[in-house]
Amino acid sequence: MRNSHRSWIIAAVAVMLSACGGMTPQQRDTAIGAGVGGVAGSVLSGGSALGTVGGAAVGGVIGHEVGKDKR
């Protein structure tokens, strides 16, 4: 991987992580659930867009529900 690509990836990850700073725990758990669900859906469906979106939706709902218990 070229250095310019690596720099862009590092910058993107830093921006994404800093965006979570003002979130409530429930919002953070929803975002984490959607991210994990999207990756899992993509892997399980062989990279299908429908599988990725479906996994993100299901993961977001699960993360949202888990976040309710942390109040």
C-alpha atoms as a PDB file:
ATOM      1  CA  MET A   1       0.000   0.000   0.000  1.00  0.00           C
ATOM      2  CA  ARG A   2       1.379   3.371  -0.917  1.00  0.00           C
ATOM      3  CA  ASN A   3       2.032   5.947   1.774  1.00  0.00           C
ATOM      4  CA  SER A   4      -0.631   8.321   0.405  1.00  0.00           C
ATOM      5  CA  HIS A   5      -3.325   5.649   0.699  1.00  0.00           C
ATOM      6  CA  ARG A   6      -2.222   4.783   4.202  1.00  0.00           C
ATOM      7  CA  SER A   7      -2.346   8.459   5.208  1.00  0.00           C
ATOM      8  CA  TRP A   8      -5.888   8.803   3.879  1.00  0.00           C
ATOM      9  CA  ILE A   9      -7.020   5.703   5.746  1.00  0.00           C
ATOM     10  CA  ILE A  10      -5.480   6.914   9.006  1.00  0.00           C
ATOM     11  CA  ALA A  11      -7.086  10.344   8.563  1.00  0.00           C
ATOM     12  CA  ALA A  12     -10.494   8.809   7.830  1.00  0.00           C
ATOM     13  CA  VAL A  13     -10.339   6.579  10.910  1.00  0.00           C
ATOM     14  CA  ALA A  14      -9.327   9.537  13.086  1.00  0.00           C
ATOM     15  CA  VAL A  15     -12.270  11.599  11.818  1.00  0.00           C
ATOM     16  CA  MET A  16     -14.700   8.737  12.377  1.00  0.00           C
ATOM     17  CA  LEU A  17     -13.489   8.150  15.917  1.00  0.00           C
ATOM     18  CA  SER A  18     -13.631  11.825  16.823  1.00  0.00           C
ATOM     19  CA  ALA A  19     -17.226  12.018  15.605  1.00  0.00           C
ATOM     20  CA  CYS A  20     -18.271   9.612  18.369  1.00  0.00           C
ATOM     21  CA  GLY A  21     -17.151  11.998  21.126  1.00  0.00           C
ATOM     22  CA  GLY A  22     -20.478  13.792  21.569  1.00  0.00           C
ATOM     23  CA  MET A  23     -22.725  10.753  21.285  1.00  0.00           C
ATOM     24  CA  THR A  24     -24.801   9.287  24.049  1.00  0.00           C
ATOM     25  CA  PRO A  25     -23.997   5.676  24.951  1.00  0.00           C
ATOM     26  CA  GLN A  26     -27.125   4.511  23.113  1.00  0.00           C
ATOM     27  CA  GLN A  27     -26.173   6.407  19.941  1.00  0.00           C
ATOM     28  CA  ARG A  28     -22.632   5.042  20.138  1.00  0.00           C
ATOM     29  CA  ASP A  29     -23.901   1.468  20.580  1.00  0.00           C
ATOM     30  CA  THR A  30     -26.251   1.928  17.615  1.00  0.00           C
ATOM     31  CA  ALA A  31     -23.381   3.127  15.411  1.00  0.00           C
ATOM     32  CA  ILE A  32     -21.092   0.310  16.540  1.00  0.00           C
ATOM     33  CA  GLY A  33     -23.843  -2.254  15.968  1.00  0.00           C
ATOM     34  CA  ALA A  34     -24.484  -0.912  12.474  1.00  0.00           C
ATOM     35  CA  GLY A  35     -20.787  -1.041  11.622  1.00  0.00           C
ATOM     36  CA  VAL A  36     -20.288  -4.563  12.928  1.00  0.00           C
ATOM     37  CA  GLY A  37     -23.535  -5.718  11.327  1.00  0.00           C
ATOM     38  CA  GLY A  38     -22.552  -4.225   7.984  1.00  0.00           C
ATOM     39  CA  VAL A  39     -19.213  -6.020   8.003  1.00  0.00           C
ATOM     40  CA  ALA A  40     -20.818  -9.287   9.099  1.00  0.00           C
ATOM     41  CA  GLY A  41     -23.546  -8.970   6.464  1.00  0.00           C
ATOM     42  CA  SER A  42     -20.969  -8.323   3.780  1.00  0.00           C
ATOM     43  CA  VAL A  43     -18.867 -11.316   4.799  1.00  0.00           C
ATOM     44  CA  LEU A  44     -21.822 -13.673   5.098  1.00  0.00           C
ATOM     45  CA  SER A  45     -23.337 -12.607   1.766  1.00  0.00           C
ATOM     46  CA  GLY A  46     -20.086 -12.628  -0.185  1.00  0.00           C
ATOM     47  CA  GLY A  47     -19.972  -8.840  -0.554  1.00  0.00           C
ATOM     48  CA  SER A  48     -23.563  -8.345  -1.648  1.00  0.00           C
ATOM     49  CA  ALA A  49     -24.826  -4.781  -1.188  1.00  0.00           C
ATOM     50  CA  LEU A  50     -28.160  -6.086   0.068  1.00  0.00           C
ATOM     51  CA  GLY A  51     -26.430  -8.293   2.631  1.00  0.00           C
ATOM     52  CA  THR A  52     -24.269  -5.390   3.801  1.00  0.00           C
ATOM     53  CA  VAL A  53     -27.202  -3.002   4.181  1.00  0.00           C
ATOM     54  CA  GLY A  54     -29.336  -5.678   5.828  1.00  0.00           C
ATOM     55  CA  GLY A  55     -26.562  -6.535   8.267  1.00  0.00           C
ATOM     56  CA  ALA A  56     -26.069  -2.859   9.107  1.00  0.00           C
ATOM     57  CA  ALA A  57     -29.791  -2.412   9.734  1.00  0.00           C
ATOM     58  CA  VAL A  58     -30.043  -5.462  11.970  1.00  0.00           C
ATOM     59  CA  GLY A  59     -26.825  -4.561  13.803  1.00  0.00           C
ATOM     60  CA  GLY A  60     -28.045  -1.000  14.340  1.00  0.00           C
ATOM     61  CA  VAL A  61     -31.306  -2.219  15.859  1.00  0.00           C
ATOM     62  CA  ILE A  62     -29.487  -4.643  18.132  1.00  0.00           C
ATOM     63  CA  GLY A  63     -27.011  -1.947  19.197  1.00  0.00           C
ATOM     64  CA  HIS A  64     -29.871   0.458  19.868  1.00  0.00           C
ATOM     65  CA  GLU A  65     -31.650  -2.058  22.083  1.00  0.00           C
ATOM     66  CA  VAL A  66     -28.460  -2.949  23.946  1.00  0.00           C
ATOM     67  CA  GLY A  67     -27.840   0.763  24.543  1.00  0.00           C
ATOM     68  CA  LYS A  68     -31.193   1.144  26.286  1.00  0.00           C
ATOM     69  CA  ASP A  69     -29.996  -0.920  29.248  1.00  0.00           C
ATOM     70  CA  LYS A  70     -27.080   1.449  29.966  1.00  0.00           C
ATOM     71  CA  ARG A  71     -29.177   4.382  31.221  1.00  0.00           C
END
